[in-house]
Amino acid sequence: MSAAFLIYSLITWLYQKRIVKTLTEGEFISGYRKAQLIDVREPNEFENGHILGARNIPLSQMKARLQEIRPDKPVYLYCQSGMRSGRAAQLLHRKGYKDLSHLKGGFKGWTGKIKTKN
């Protein structure tokens, strides 16, 4: 059982590595203003703090809200740790999106500007 999970995890990781660029915070900052910045966390997480300029399209709603994301522009994704943004990238890739990047380590490692709802 655990060997199968390990193999599955490795295949998923290799697949993600091929379809989505994992960016350091510096790389993310230098490009996200020219991209569609999408926070894939749930609304309550987003309200507690998010990267300035991000739109909240939770992974749980992404399939239903694809029309909000332009396939002809770069898409920068992030979540809390990097897991959900990787899954969101897989979903977008299957729908034909090509220029996909996500934030290494997710929001929890972010030191740039943030916005919170009071």
PDB file of N, CA and C in Angstrom:
ATOM      1  N   MET A   1       0.831  -1.207   0.000  1.00  0.00           N
ATOM      2  CA  MET A   1       0.000   0.000   0.000  1.00  0.00           C
ATOM      3  C   MET A   1       0.873   1.268   0.000  1.00  0.00           C
ATOM      4  N   SER A   2       1.825   1.361   0.919  1.00  0.00           N
ATOM      5  CA  SER A   2       2.629   2.578   0.989  1.00  0.00           C
ATOM      6  C   SER A   2       3.557   2.720  -0.218  1.00  0.00           C
ATOM      7  N   ALA A   3       4.022   1.613  -0.800  1.00  0.00           N
ATOM      8  CA  ALA A   3       4.861   1.681  -1.999  1.00  0.00           C
ATOM      9  C   ALA A   3       4.057   2.236  -3.173  1.00  0.00           C
ATOM     10  N   ALA A   4       2.805   1.809  -3.287  1.00  0.00           N
ATOM     11  CA  ALA A   4       1.933   2.317  -4.359  1.00  0.00           C
ATOM     12  C   ALA A   4       1.710   3.814  -4.191  1.00  0.00           C
ATOM     13  N   PHE A   5       1.497   4.249  -2.960  1.00  0.00           N
ATOM     14  CA  PHE A   5       1.295   5.676  -2.696  1.00  0.00           C
ATOM     15  C   PHE A   5       2.550   6.465  -3.048  1.00  0.00           C
ATOM     16  N   LEU A   6       3.700   5.924  -2.701  1.00  0.00           N
ATOM     17  CA  LEU A   6       4.974   6.570  -3.005  1.00  0.00           C
ATOM     18  C   LEU A   6       5.168   6.724  -4.516  1.00  0.00           C
ATOM     19  N   ILE A   7       4.867   5.677  -5.257  1.00  0.00           N
ATOM     20  CA  ILE A   7       4.981   5.706  -6.719  1.00  0.00           C
ATOM     21  C   ILE A   7       4.007   6.729  -7.298  1.00  0.00           C
ATOM     22  N   TYR A   8       2.755   6.708  -6.804  1.00  0.00           N
ATOM     23  CA  TYR A   8       1.746   7.682  -7.249  1.00  0.00           C
ATOM     24  C   TYR A   8       2.222   9.110  -6.974  1.00  0.00           C
ATOM     25  N   SER A   9       2.749   9.336  -5.779  1.00  0.00           N
ATOM     26  CA  SER A   9       3.233  10.664  -5.399  1.00  0.00           C
ATOM     27  C   SER A   9       4.379  11.112  -6.301  1.00  0.00           C
ATOM     28  N   LEU A  10       5.286  10.204  -6.614  1.00  0.00           N
ATOM     29  CA  LEU A  10       6.419  10.526  -7.481  1.00  0.00           C
ATOM     30  C   LEU A  10       5.944  10.877  -8.894  1.00  0.00           C
ATOM     31  N   ILE A  11       5.024  10.085  -9.429  1.00  0.00           N
ATOM     32  CA  ILE A  11       4.493  10.342 -10.773  1.00  0.00           C
ATOM     33  C   ILE A  11       3.777  11.692 -10.804  1.00  0.00           C
ATOM     34  N   THR A  12       2.967  11.975  -9.795  1.00  0.00           N
ATOM     35  CA  THR A  12       2.251  13.255  -9.704  1.00  0.00           C
ATOM     36  C   THR A  12       3.247  14.414  -9.650  1.00  0.00           C
ATOM     37  N   TRP A  13       4.292  14.257  -8.836  1.00  0.00           N
ATOM     38  CA  TRP A  13       5.303  15.307  -8.698  1.00  0.00           C
ATOM     39  C   TRP A  13       6.005  15.559 -10.025  1.00  0.00           C
ATOM     40  N   LEU A  14       6.393  14.492 -10.725  1.00  0.00           N
ATOM     41  CA  LEU A  14       7.068  14.641 -12.015  1.00  0.00           C
ATOM     42  C   LEU A  14       6.157  15.304 -13.043  1.00  0.00           C
ATOM     43  N   TYR A  15       4.885  14.920 -13.043  1.00  0.00           N
ATOM     44  CA  TYR A  15       3.905  15.502 -13.962  1.00  0.00           C
ATOM     45  C   TYR A  15       3.751  17.002 -13.685  1.00  0.00           C
ATOM     46  N   GLN A  16       3.594  17.342 -12.404  1.00  0.00           N
ATOM     47  CA  GLN A  16       3.453  18.760 -12.029  1.00  0.00           C
ATOM     48  C   GLN A  16       4.683  19.547 -12.440  1.00  0.00           C
ATOM     49  N   LYS A  17       5.851  18.977 -12.238  1.00  0.00           N
ATOM     50  CA  LYS A  17       7.106  19.651 -12.569  1.00  0.00           C
ATOM     51  C   LYS A  17       7.160  19.990 -14.059  1.00  0.00           C
ATOM     52  N   ARG A  18       6.554  19.158 -14.891  1.00  0.00           N
ATOM     53  CA  ARG A  18       6.556  19.348 -16.337  1.00  0.00           C
ATOM     54  C   ARG A  18       5.551  20.413 -16.786  1.00  0.00           C
ATOM     55  N   ILE A  19       4.421  20.539 -16.090  1.00  0.00           N
ATOM     56  CA  ILE A  19       3.355  21.430 -16.567  1.00  0.00           C
ATOM     57  C   ILE A  19       3.299  22.783 -15.867  1.00  0.00           C
ATOM     58  N   VAL A  20       3.886  22.896 -14.685  1.00  0.00           N
ATOM     59  CA  VAL A  20       3.802  24.158 -13.937  1.00  0.00           C
ATOM     60  C   VAL A  20       5.200  24.559 -13.462  1.00  0.00           C
ATOM     61  N   LYS A  21       5.524  25.849 -13.650  1.00  0.00           N
ATOM     62  CA  LYS A  21       6.806  26.362 -13.163  1.00  0.00           C
ATOM     63  C   LYS A  21       6.664  26.685 -11.674  1.00  0.00           C
ATOM     64  N   THR A  22       7.579  26.166 -10.873  1.00  0.00           N
ATOM     65  CA  THR A  22       7.601  26.489  -9.448  1.00  0.00           C
ATOM     66  C   THR A  22       8.556  27.651  -9.264  1.00  0.00           C
ATOM     67  N   LEU A  23       8.024  28.777  -8.808  1.00  0.00           N
ATOM     68  CA  LEU A  23       8.807  30.005  -8.714  1.00  0.00           C
ATOM     69  C   LEU A  23       9.154  30.345  -7.271  1.00  0.00           C
ATOM     70  N   THR A  24      10.373  30.868  -7.085  1.00  0.00           N
ATOM     71  CA  THR A  24      10.741  31.406  -5.778  1.00  0.00           C
ATOM     72  C   THR A  24       9.942  32.703  -5.578  1.00  0.00           C
ATOM     73  N   GLU A  25       9.946  33.221  -4.382  1.00  0.00           N
ATOM     74  CA  GLU A  25       9.215  34.471  -4.121  1.00  0.00           C
ATOM     75  C   GLU A  25       9.702  35.598  -5.031  1.00  0.00           C
ATOM     76  N   GLY A  26      11.018  35.700  -5.218  1.00  0.00           N
ATOM     77  CA  GLY A  26      11.573  36.752  -6.074  1.00  0.00           C
ATOM     78  C   GLY A  26      11.107  36.633  -7.518  1.00  0.00           C
ATOM     79  N   GLU A  27      11.114  35.411  -8.046  1.00  0.00           N
ATOM     80  CA  GLU A  27      10.649  35.170  -9.416  1.00  0.00           C
ATOM     81  C   GLU A  27       9.151  35.469  -9.527  1.00  0.00           C
ATOM     82  N   PHE A  28       8.418  35.077  -8.498  1.00  0.00           N
ATOM     83  CA  PHE A  28       6.964  35.292  -8.459  1.00  0.00           C
ATOM     84  C   PHE A  28       6.661  36.794  -8.482  1.00  0.00           C
ATOM     85  N   ILE A  29       7.355  37.546  -7.627  1.00  0.00           N
ATOM     86  CA  ILE A  29       7.154  38.999  -7.542  1.00  0.00           C
ATOM     87  C   ILE A  29       7.479  39.671  -8.876  1.00  0.00           C
ATOM     88  N   SER A  30       8.548  39.224  -9.543  1.00  0.00           N
ATOM     89  CA  SER A  30       8.945  39.896 -10.784  1.00  0.00           C
ATOM     90  C   SER A  30       7.962  39.655 -11.922  1.00  0.00           C
ATOM     91  N   GLY A  31       7.104  38.636 -11.838  1.00  0.00           N
ATOM     92  CA  GLY A  31       6.206  38.348 -12.943  1.00  0.00           C
ATOM     93  C   GLY A  31       4.725  38.445 -12.685  1.00  0.00           C
ATOM     94  N   TYR A  32       4.297  38.447 -11.422  1.00  0.00           N
ATOM     95  CA  TYR A  32       2.857  38.299 -11.175  1.00  0.00           C
ATOM     96  C   TYR A  32       2.016  39.507 -11.576  1.00  0.00           C
ATOM     97  N   ARG A  33       2.605  40.673 -11.698  1.00  0.00           N
ATOM     98  CA  ARG A  33       1.806  41.849 -12.107  1.00  0.00           C
ATOM     99  C   ARG A  33       1.382  41.770 -13.567  1.00  0.00           C
ATOM    100  N   LYS A  34       2.116  40.989 -14.369  1.00  0.00           N
ATOM    101  CA  LYS A  34       1.780  40.820 -15.784  1.00  0.00           C
ATOM    102  C   LYS A  34       0.924  39.572 -16.006  1.00  0.00           C
ATOM    103  N   ALA A  35       0.564  38.910 -14.926  1.00  0.00           N
ATOM    104  CA  ALA A  35      -0.170  37.645 -15.015  1.00  0.00           C
ATOM    105  C   ALA A  35      -1.517  37.750 -14.300  1.00  0.00           C
ATOM    106  N   GLN A  36      -2.292  36.687 -14.398  1.00  0.00           N
ATOM    107  CA  GLN A  36      -3.522  36.561 -13.619  1.00  0.00           C
ATOM    108  C   GLN A  36      -3.112  35.903 -12.307  1.00  0.00           C
ATOM    109  N   LEU A  37      -3.237  36.624 -11.214  1.00  0.00           N
ATOM    110  CA  LEU A  37      -2.812  36.126  -9.905  1.00  0.00           C
ATOM    111  C   LEU A  37      -4.015  35.519  -9.194  1.00  0.00           C
ATOM    112  N   ILE A  38      -3.941  34.213  -8.947  1.00  0.00           N
ATOM    113  CA  ILE A  38      -5.095  33.507  -8.394  1.00  0.00           C
ATOM    114  C   ILE A  38      -4.720  32.761  -7.121  1.00  0.00           C
ATOM    115  N   ASP A  39      -5.460  33.077  -6.064  1.00  0.00           N
ATOM    116  CA  ASP A  39      -5.342  32.405  -4.773  1.00  0.00           C
ATOM    117  C   ASP A  39      -6.372  31.279  -4.783  1.00  0.00           C
ATOM    118  N   VAL A  40      -5.919  30.032  -4.689  1.00  0.00           N
ATOM    119  CA  VAL A  40      -6.838  28.894  -4.779  1.00  0.00           C
ATOM    120  C   VAL A  40      -7.291  28.383  -3.411  1.00  0.00           C
ATOM    121  N   ARG A  41      -6.994  29.161  -2.362  1.00  0.00           N
ATOM    122  CA  ARG A  41      -7.445  28.769  -1.017  1.00  0.00           C
ATOM    123  C   ARG A  41      -8.931  29.085  -0.856  1.00  0.00           C
ATOM    124  N   GLU A  42      -9.508  28.590   0.213  1.00  0.00           N
ATOM    125  CA  GLU A  42     -10.925  28.841   0.491  1.00  0.00           C
ATOM    126  C   GLU A  42     -11.125  30.302   0.913  1.00  0.00           C
ATOM    127  N   PRO A  43     -12.355  30.847   0.732  1.00  0.00           N
ATOM    128  CA  PRO A  43     -12.615  32.270   1.021  1.00  0.00           C
ATOM    129  C   PRO A  43     -12.194  32.727   2.420  1.00  0.00           C
ATOM    130  N   ASN A  44     -12.395  31.897   3.445  1.00  0.00           N
ATOM    131  CA  ASN A  44     -12.014  32.319   4.804  1.00  0.00           C
ATOM    132  C   ASN A  44     -10.498  32.476   4.924  1.00  0.00           C
ATOM    133  N   GLU A  45      -9.726  31.623   4.244  1.00  0.00           N
ATOM    134  CA  GLU A  45      -8.267  31.745   4.255  1.00  0.00           C
ATOM    135  C   GLU A  45      -7.850  33.028   3.525  1.00  0.00           C
ATOM    136  N   PHE A  46      -8.506  33.290   2.381  1.00  0.00           N
ATOM    137  CA  PHE A  46      -8.230  34.476   1.570  1.00  0.00           C
ATOM    138  C   PHE A  46      -8.476  35.748   2.371  1.00  0.00           C
ATOM    139  N   GLU A  47      -9.586  35.795   3.107  1.00  0.00           N
ATOM    140  CA  GLU A  47      -9.939  36.986   3.890  1.00  0.00           C
ATOM    141  C   GLU A  47      -8.973  37.235   5.037  1.00  0.00           C
ATOM    142  N   ASN A  48      -8.343  36.174   5.535  1.00  0.00           N
ATOM    143  CA  ASN A  48      -7.381  36.334   6.629  1.00  0.00           C
ATOM    144  C   ASN A  48      -6.046  36.898   6.151  1.00  0.00           C
ATOM    145  N   GLY A  49      -5.878  37.018   4.844  1.00  0.00           N
ATOM    146  CA  GLY A  49      -4.659  37.597   4.273  1.00  0.00           C
ATOM    147  C   GLY A  49      -4.335  36.964   2.942  1.00  0.00           C
ATOM    148  N   HIS A  50      -4.048  37.809   1.951  1.00  0.00           N
ATOM    149  CA  HIS A  50      -3.692  37.316   0.623  1.00  0.00           C
ATOM    150  C   HIS A  50      -2.718  38.290  -0.043  1.00  0.00           C
ATOM    151  N   ILE A  51      -2.077  37.807  -1.096  1.00  0.00           N
ATOM    152  CA  ILE A  51      -1.138  38.643  -1.839  1.00  0.00           C
ATOM    153  C   ILE A  51      -1.919  39.762  -2.513  1.00  0.00           C
ATOM    154  N   LEU A  52      -1.409  40.973  -2.378  1.00  0.00           N
ATOM    155  CA  LEU A  52      -2.051  42.152  -2.958  1.00  0.00           C
ATOM    156  C   LEU A  52      -2.300  41.941  -4.455  1.00  0.00           C
ATOM    157  N   GLY A  53      -3.530  42.142  -4.889  1.00  0.00           N
ATOM    158  CA  GLY A  53      -3.877  42.002  -6.300  1.00  0.00           C
ATOM    159  C   GLY A  53      -4.398  40.633  -6.692  1.00  0.00           C
ATOM    160  N   ALA A  54      -4.436  39.687  -5.749  1.00  0.00           N
ATOM    161  CA  ALA A  54      -4.890  38.325  -6.065  1.00  0.00           C
ATOM    162  C   ALA A  54      -6.414  38.245  -6.130  1.00  0.00           C
ATOM    163  N   ARG A  55      -6.883  37.349  -7.006  1.00  0.00           N
ATOM    164  CA  ARG A  55      -8.310  37.007  -7.054  1.00  0.00           C
ATOM    165  C   ARG A  55      -8.481  35.665  -6.376  1.00  0.00           C
ATOM    166  N   ASN A  56      -9.579  35.487  -5.686  1.00  0.00           N
ATOM    167  CA  ASN A  56      -9.838  34.230  -4.984  1.00  0.00           C
ATOM    168  C   ASN A  56     -10.737  33.337  -5.840  1.00  0.00           C
ATOM    169  N   ILE A  57     -10.146  32.273  -6.381  1.00  0.00           N
ATOM    170  CA  ILE A  57     -10.916  31.231  -7.059  1.00  0.00           C
ATOM    171  C   ILE A  57     -10.480  29.916  -6.399  1.00  0.00           C
ATOM    172  N   PRO A  58     -11.216  29.501  -5.354  1.00  0.00           N
ATOM    173  CA  PRO A  58     -10.816  28.291  -4.622  1.00  0.00           C
ATOM    174  C   PRO A  58     -10.744  27.070  -5.534  1.00  0.00           C
ATOM    175  N   LEU A  59      -9.805  26.186  -5.237  1.00  0.00           N
ATOM    176  CA  LEU A  59      -9.672  24.946  -5.995  1.00  0.00           C
ATOM    177  C   LEU A  59     -11.006  24.214  -6.054  1.00  0.00           C
ATOM    178  N   SER A  60     -11.769  24.258  -4.959  1.00  0.00           N
ATOM    179  CA  SER A  60     -13.063  23.560  -4.896  1.00  0.00           C
ATOM    180  C   SER A  60     -14.091  24.127  -5.877  1.00  0.00           C
ATOM    181  N   GLN A  61     -13.877  25.354  -6.366  1.00  0.00           N
ATOM    182  CA  GLN A  61     -14.811  25.999  -7.304  1.00  0.00           C
ATOM    183  C   GLN A  61     -14.221  26.180  -8.700  1.00  0.00           C
ATOM    184  N   MET A  62     -12.975  25.766  -8.896  1.00  0.00           N
ATOM    185  CA  MET A  62     -12.257  26.112 -10.123  1.00  0.00           C
ATOM    186  C   MET A  62     -12.948  25.613 -11.394  1.00  0.00           C
ATOM    187  N   LYS A  63     -13.396  24.370 -11.417  1.00  0.00           N
ATOM    188  CA  LYS A  63     -14.046  23.839 -12.623  1.00  0.00           C
ATOM    189  C   LYS A  63     -15.232  24.705 -13.025  1.00  0.00           C
ATOM    190  N   ALA A  64     -16.023  25.133 -12.048  1.00  0.00           N
ATOM    191  CA  ALA A  64     -17.227  25.934 -12.317  1.00  0.00           C
ATOM    192  C   ALA A  64     -16.890  27.371 -12.708  1.00  0.00           C
ATOM    193  N   ARG A  65     -15.674  27.835 -12.417  1.00  0.00           N
ATOM    194  CA  ARG A  65     -15.320  29.245 -12.642  1.00  0.00           C
ATOM    195  C   ARG A  65     -14.202  29.435 -13.672  1.00  0.00           C
ATOM    196  N   LEU A  66     -13.968  28.419 -14.493  1.00  0.00           N
ATOM    197  CA  LEU A  66     -12.893  28.497 -15.497  1.00  0.00           C
ATOM    198  C   LEU A  66     -13.023  29.699 -16.418  1.00  0.00           C
ATOM    199  N   GLN A  67     -14.261  30.112 -16.719  1.00  0.00           N
ATOM    200  CA  GLN A  67     -14.471  31.238 -17.637  1.00  0.00           C
ATOM    201  C   GLN A  67     -13.884  32.537 -17.088  1.00  0.00           C
ATOM    202  N   GLU A  68     -13.555  32.578 -15.798  1.00  0.00           N
ATOM    203  CA  GLU A  68     -12.962  33.781 -15.197  1.00  0.00           C
ATOM    204  C   GLU A  68     -11.451  33.862 -15.433  1.00  0.00           C
ATOM    205  N   ILE A  69     -10.869  32.784 -15.967  1.00  0.00           N
ATOM    206  CA  ILE A  69      -9.419  32.730 -16.159  1.00  0.00           C
ATOM    207  C   ILE A  69      -9.129  32.686 -17.656  1.00  0.00           C
ATOM    208  N   ARG A  70      -8.387  33.664 -18.145  1.00  0.00           N
ATOM    209  CA  ARG A  70      -8.070  33.736 -19.578  1.00  0.00           C
ATOM    210  C   ARG A  70      -6.963  32.749 -19.938  1.00  0.00           C
ATOM    211  N   PRO A  71      -7.199  31.908 -20.952  1.00  0.00           N
ATOM    212  CA  PRO A  71      -6.174  30.933 -21.341  1.00  0.00           C
ATOM    213  C   PRO A  71      -5.007  31.547 -22.112  1.00  0.00           C
ATOM    214  N   ASP A  72      -5.169  32.794 -22.595  1.00  0.00           N
ATOM    215  CA  ASP A  72      -4.123  33.427 -23.405  1.00  0.00           C
ATOM    216  C   ASP A  72      -3.156  34.274 -22.578  1.00  0.00           C
ATOM    217  N   LYS A  73      -3.318  34.308 -21.267  1.00  0.00           N
ATOM    218  CA  LYS A  73      -2.427  35.089 -20.406  1.00  0.00           C
ATOM    219  C   LYS A  73      -1.808  34.173 -19.352  1.00  0.00           C
ATOM    220  N   PRO A  74      -0.597  34.516 -18.896  1.00  0.00           N
ATOM    221  CA  PRO A  74       0.027  33.693 -17.848  1.00  0.00           C
ATOM    222  C   PRO A  74      -0.854  33.627 -16.594  1.00  0.00           C
ATOM    223  N   VAL A  75      -0.821  32.478 -15.933  1.00  0.00           N
ATOM    224  CA  VAL A  75      -1.585  32.275 -14.699  1.00  0.00           C
ATOM    225  C   VAL A  75      -0.596  31.969 -13.577  1.00  0.00           C
ATOM    226  N   TYR A  76      -0.633  32.800 -12.521  1.00  0.00           N
ATOM    227  CA  TYR A  76       0.186  32.590 -11.329  1.00  0.00           C
ATOM    228  C   TYR A  76      -0.753  32.126 -10.223  1.00  0.00           C
ATOM    229  N   LEU A  77      -0.458  30.971  -9.668  1.00  0.00           N
ATOM    230  CA  LEU A  77      -1.301  30.365  -8.647  1.00  0.00           C
ATOM    231  C   LEU A  77      -0.562  30.285  -7.322  1.00  0.00           C
ATOM    232  N   TYR A  78      -1.323  30.341  -6.246  1.00  0.00           N
ATOM    233  CA  TYR A  78      -0.736  30.011  -4.945  1.00  0.00           C
ATOM    234  C   TYR A  78      -1.838  29.548  -4.002  1.00  0.00           C
ATOM    235  N   CYS A  79      -1.412  28.793  -2.986  1.00  0.00           N
ATOM    236  CA  CYS A  79      -2.316  28.347  -1.924  1.00  0.00           C
ATOM    237  C   CYS A  79      -1.551  28.520  -0.609  1.00  0.00           C
ATOM    238  N   GLN A  80      -1.877  27.765   0.400  1.00  0.00           N
ATOM    239  CA  GLN A  80      -1.195  27.918   1.680  1.00  0.00           C
ATOM    240  C   GLN A  80       0.227  27.342   1.640  1.00  0.00           C
ATOM    241  N   SER A  81       0.376  26.142   1.029  1.00  0.00           N
ATOM    242  CA  SER A  81       1.680  25.477   1.079  1.00  0.00           C
ATOM    243  C   SER A  81       2.242  25.068  -0.277  1.00  0.00           C
ATOM    244  N   GLY A  82       1.412  25.077  -1.327  1.00  0.00           N
ATOM    245  CA  GLY A  82       1.867  24.671  -2.650  1.00  0.00           C
ATOM    246  C   GLY A  82       1.192  23.411  -3.176  1.00  0.00           C
ATOM    247  N   MET A  83       0.440  22.700  -2.332  1.00  0.00           N
ATOM    248  CA  MET A  83      -0.227  21.465  -2.755  1.00  0.00           C
ATOM    249  C   MET A  83      -1.444  21.759  -3.640  1.00  0.00           C
ATOM    250  N   ARG A  84      -2.356  22.593  -3.147  1.00  0.00           N
ATOM    251  CA  ARG A  84      -3.585  22.879  -3.910  1.00  0.00           C
ATOM    252  C   ARG A  84      -3.291  23.636  -5.198  1.00  0.00           C
ATOM    253  N   SER A  85      -2.290  24.541  -5.175  1.00  0.00           N
ATOM    254  CA  SER A  85      -1.969  25.272  -6.405  1.00  0.00           C
ATOM    255  C   SER A  85      -1.409  24.317  -7.456  1.00  0.00           C
ATOM    256  N   GLY A  86      -0.701  23.289  -7.033  1.00  0.00           N
ATOM    257  CA  GLY A  86      -0.215  22.270  -7.973  1.00  0.00           C
ATOM    258  C   GLY A  86      -1.379  21.503  -8.591  1.00  0.00           C
ATOM    259  N   ARG A  87      -2.374  21.164  -7.766  1.00  0.00           N
ATOM    260  CA  ARG A  87      -3.559  20.459  -8.289  1.00  0.00           C
ATOM    261  C   ARG A  87      -4.360  21.372  -9.209  1.00  0.00           C
ATOM    262  N   ALA A  88      -4.452  22.652  -8.869  1.00  0.00           N
ATOM    263  CA  ALA A  88      -5.154  23.616  -9.731  1.00  0.00           C
ATOM    264  C   ALA A  88      -4.444  23.720 -11.081  1.00  0.00           C
ATOM    265  N   ALA A  89      -3.118  23.712 -11.072  1.00  0.00           N
ATOM    266  CA  ALA A  89      -2.353  23.773 -12.320  1.00  0.00           C
ATOM    267  C   ALA A  89      -2.632  22.551 -13.183  1.00  0.00           C
ATOM    268  N   GLN A  90      -2.735  21.389 -12.564  1.00  0.00           N
ATOM    269  CA  GLN A  90      -3.054  20.167 -13.314  1.00  0.00           C
ATOM    270  C   GLN A  90      -4.421  20.301 -13.986  1.00  0.00           C
ATOM    271  N   LEU A  91      -5.401  20.797 -13.243  1.00  0.00           N
ATOM    272  CA  LEU A  91      -6.746  20.975 -13.790  1.00  0.00           C
ATOM    273  C   LEU A  91      -6.724  21.955 -14.962  1.00  0.00           C
ATOM    274  N   LEU A  92      -6.057  23.088 -14.789  1.00  0.00           N
ATOM    275  CA  LEU A  92      -5.972  24.096 -15.852  1.00  0.00           C
ATOM    276  C   LEU A  92      -5.230  23.548 -17.072  1.00  0.00           C
ATOM    277  N   HIS A  93      -4.173  22.800 -16.836  1.00  0.00           N
ATOM    278  CA  HIS A  93      -3.419  22.207 -17.942  1.00  0.00           C
ATOM    279  C   HIS A  93      -4.318  21.276 -18.769  1.00  0.00           C
ATOM    280  N   ARG A  94      -5.112  20.459 -18.090  1.00  0.00           N
ATOM    281  CA  ARG A  94      -6.042  19.556 -18.795  1.00  0.00           C
ATOM    282  C   ARG A  94      -7.068  20.331 -19.606  1.00  0.00           C
ATOM    283  N   LYS A  95      -7.362  21.579 -19.203  1.00  0.00           N
ATOM    284  CA  LYS A  95      -8.333  22.412 -19.919  1.00  0.00           C
ATOM    285  C   LYS A  95      -7.677  23.277 -20.987  1.00  0.00           C
ATOM    286  N   GLY A  96      -6.372  23.077 -21.219  1.00  0.00           N
ATOM    287  CA  GLY A  96      -5.701  23.772 -22.315  1.00  0.00           C
ATOM    288  C   GLY A  96      -4.872  24.989 -21.936  1.00  0.00           C
ATOM    289  N   TYR A  97      -4.770  25.302 -20.656  1.00  0.00           N
ATOM    290  CA  TYR A  97      -3.944  26.437 -20.220  1.00  0.00           C
ATOM    291  C   TYR A  97      -2.477  26.026 -20.293  1.00  0.00           C
ATOM    292  N   LYS A  98      -1.629  26.941 -20.781  1.00  0.00           N
ATOM    293  CA  LYS A  98      -0.228  26.592 -21.027  1.00  0.00           C
ATOM    294  C   LYS A  98       0.765  27.273 -20.084  1.00  0.00           C
ATOM    295  N   ASP A  99       0.613  28.574 -19.850  1.00  0.00           N
ATOM    296  CA  ASP A  99       1.614  29.332 -19.096  1.00  0.00           C
ATOM    297  C   ASP A  99       1.225  29.366 -17.614  1.00  0.00           C
ATOM    298  N   LEU A 100       1.619  28.314 -16.892  1.00  0.00           N
ATOM    299  CA  LEU A 100       1.214  28.134 -15.494  1.00  0.00           C
ATOM    300  C   LEU A 100       2.427  28.182 -14.574  1.00  0.00           C
ATOM    301  N   SER A 101       2.286  28.956 -13.498  1.00  0.00           N
ATOM    302  CA  SER A 101       3.341  29.043 -12.481  1.00  0.00           C
ATOM    303  C   SER A 101       2.693  29.019 -11.114  1.00  0.00           C
ATOM    304  N   HIS A 102       3.435  28.500 -10.135  1.00  0.00           N
ATOM    305  CA  HIS A 102       2.938  28.614  -8.762  1.00  0.00           C
ATOM    306  C   HIS A 102       4.072  28.931  -7.803  1.00  0.00           C
ATOM    307  N   LEU A 103       3.676  29.449  -6.655  1.00  0.00           N
ATOM    308  CA  LEU A 103       4.606  29.963  -5.655  1.00  0.00           C
ATOM    309  C   LEU A 103       5.169  28.831  -4.806  1.00  0.00           C
ATOM    310  N   LYS A 104       6.482  28.682  -4.850  1.00  0.00           N
ATOM    311  CA  LYS A 104       7.161  27.657  -4.050  1.00  0.00           C
ATOM    312  C   LYS A 104       6.885  27.898  -2.562  1.00  0.00           C
ATOM    313  N   GLY A 105       6.381  26.879  -1.886  1.00  0.00           N
ATOM    314  CA  GLY A 105       6.119  26.992  -0.452  1.00  0.00           C
ATOM    315  C   GLY A 105       4.815  27.674  -0.104  1.00  0.00           C
ATOM    316  N   GLY A 106       4.138  28.260  -1.092  1.00  0.00           N
ATOM    317  CA  GLY A 106       2.825  28.860  -0.869  1.00  0.00           C
ATOM    318  C   GLY A 106       2.841  30.135  -0.034  1.00  0.00           C
ATOM    319  N   PHE A 107       1.632  30.545   0.351  1.00  0.00           N
ATOM    320  CA  PHE A 107       1.427  31.810   1.071  1.00  0.00           C
ATOM    321  C   PHE A 107       2.134  31.823   2.422  1.00  0.00           C
ATOM    322  N   LYS A 108       2.259  30.659   3.055  1.00  0.00           N
ATOM    323  CA  LYS A 108       2.870  30.637   4.394  1.00  0.00           C
ATOM    324  C   LYS A 108       4.323  31.098   4.390  1.00  0.00           C
ATOM    325  N   GLY A 109       4.986  31.033   3.215  1.00  0.00           N
ATOM    326  CA  GLY A 109       6.361  31.503   3.129  1.00  0.00           C
ATOM    327  C   GLY A 109       6.496  32.890   2.526  1.00  0.00           C
ATOM    328  N   TRP A 110       5.382  33.511   2.184  1.00  0.00           N
ATOM    329  CA  TRP A 110       5.362  34.818   1.503  1.00  0.00           C
ATOM    330  C   TRP A 110       5.780  35.929   2.448  1.00  0.00           C
ATOM    331  N   THR A 111       6.686  36.800   1.999  1.00  0.00           N
ATOM    332  CA  THR A 111       7.088  37.942   2.825  1.00  0.00           C
ATOM    333  C   THR A 111       6.754  39.269   2.143  1.00  0.00           C
ATOM    334  N   GLY A 112       6.166  39.200   0.941  1.00  0.00           N
ATOM    335  CA  GLY A 112       5.802  40.407   0.208  1.00  0.00           C
ATOM    336  C   GLY A 112       4.536  41.074   0.764  1.00  0.00           C
ATOM    337  N   LYS A 113       3.995  42.031  -0.003  1.00  0.00           N
ATOM    338  CA  LYS A 113       2.814  42.765   0.435  1.00  0.00           C
ATOM    339  C   LYS A 113       1.597  41.870   0.503  1.00  0.00           C
ATOM    340  N   ILE A 114       0.804  42.064   1.557  1.00  0.00           N
ATOM    341  CA  ILE A 114      -0.453  41.330   1.693  1.00  0.00           C
ATOM    342  C   ILE A 114      -1.594  42.281   2.009  1.00  0.00           C
ATOM    343  N   LYS A 115      -2.797  41.801   1.761  1.00  0.00           N
ATOM    344  CA  LYS A 115      -4.006  42.558   2.063  1.00  0.00           C
ATOM    345  C   LYS A 115      -4.889  41.664   2.921  1.00  0.00           C
ATOM    346  N   THR A 116      -5.521  42.265   3.931  1.00  0.00           N
ATOM    347  CA  THR A 116      -6.462  41.513   4.757  1.00  0.00           C
ATOM    348  C   THR A 116      -7.789  42.229   4.777  1.00  0.00           C
ATOM    349  N   LYS A 117      -8.857  41.490   4.950  1.00  0.00           N
ATOM    350  CA  LYS A 117     -10.178  42.100   5.121  1.00  0.00           C
ATOM    351  C   LYS A 117     -10.359  42.315   6.615  1.00  0.00           C
ATOM    352  N   ASN A 118     -10.778  43.525   6.955  1.00  0.00           N
ATOM    353  CA  ASN A 118     -10.906  43.849   8.387  1.00  0.00           C
ATOM    354  C   ASN A 118     -12.160  43.277   8.991  1.00  0.00           C
TER     355      ASN A 118
END
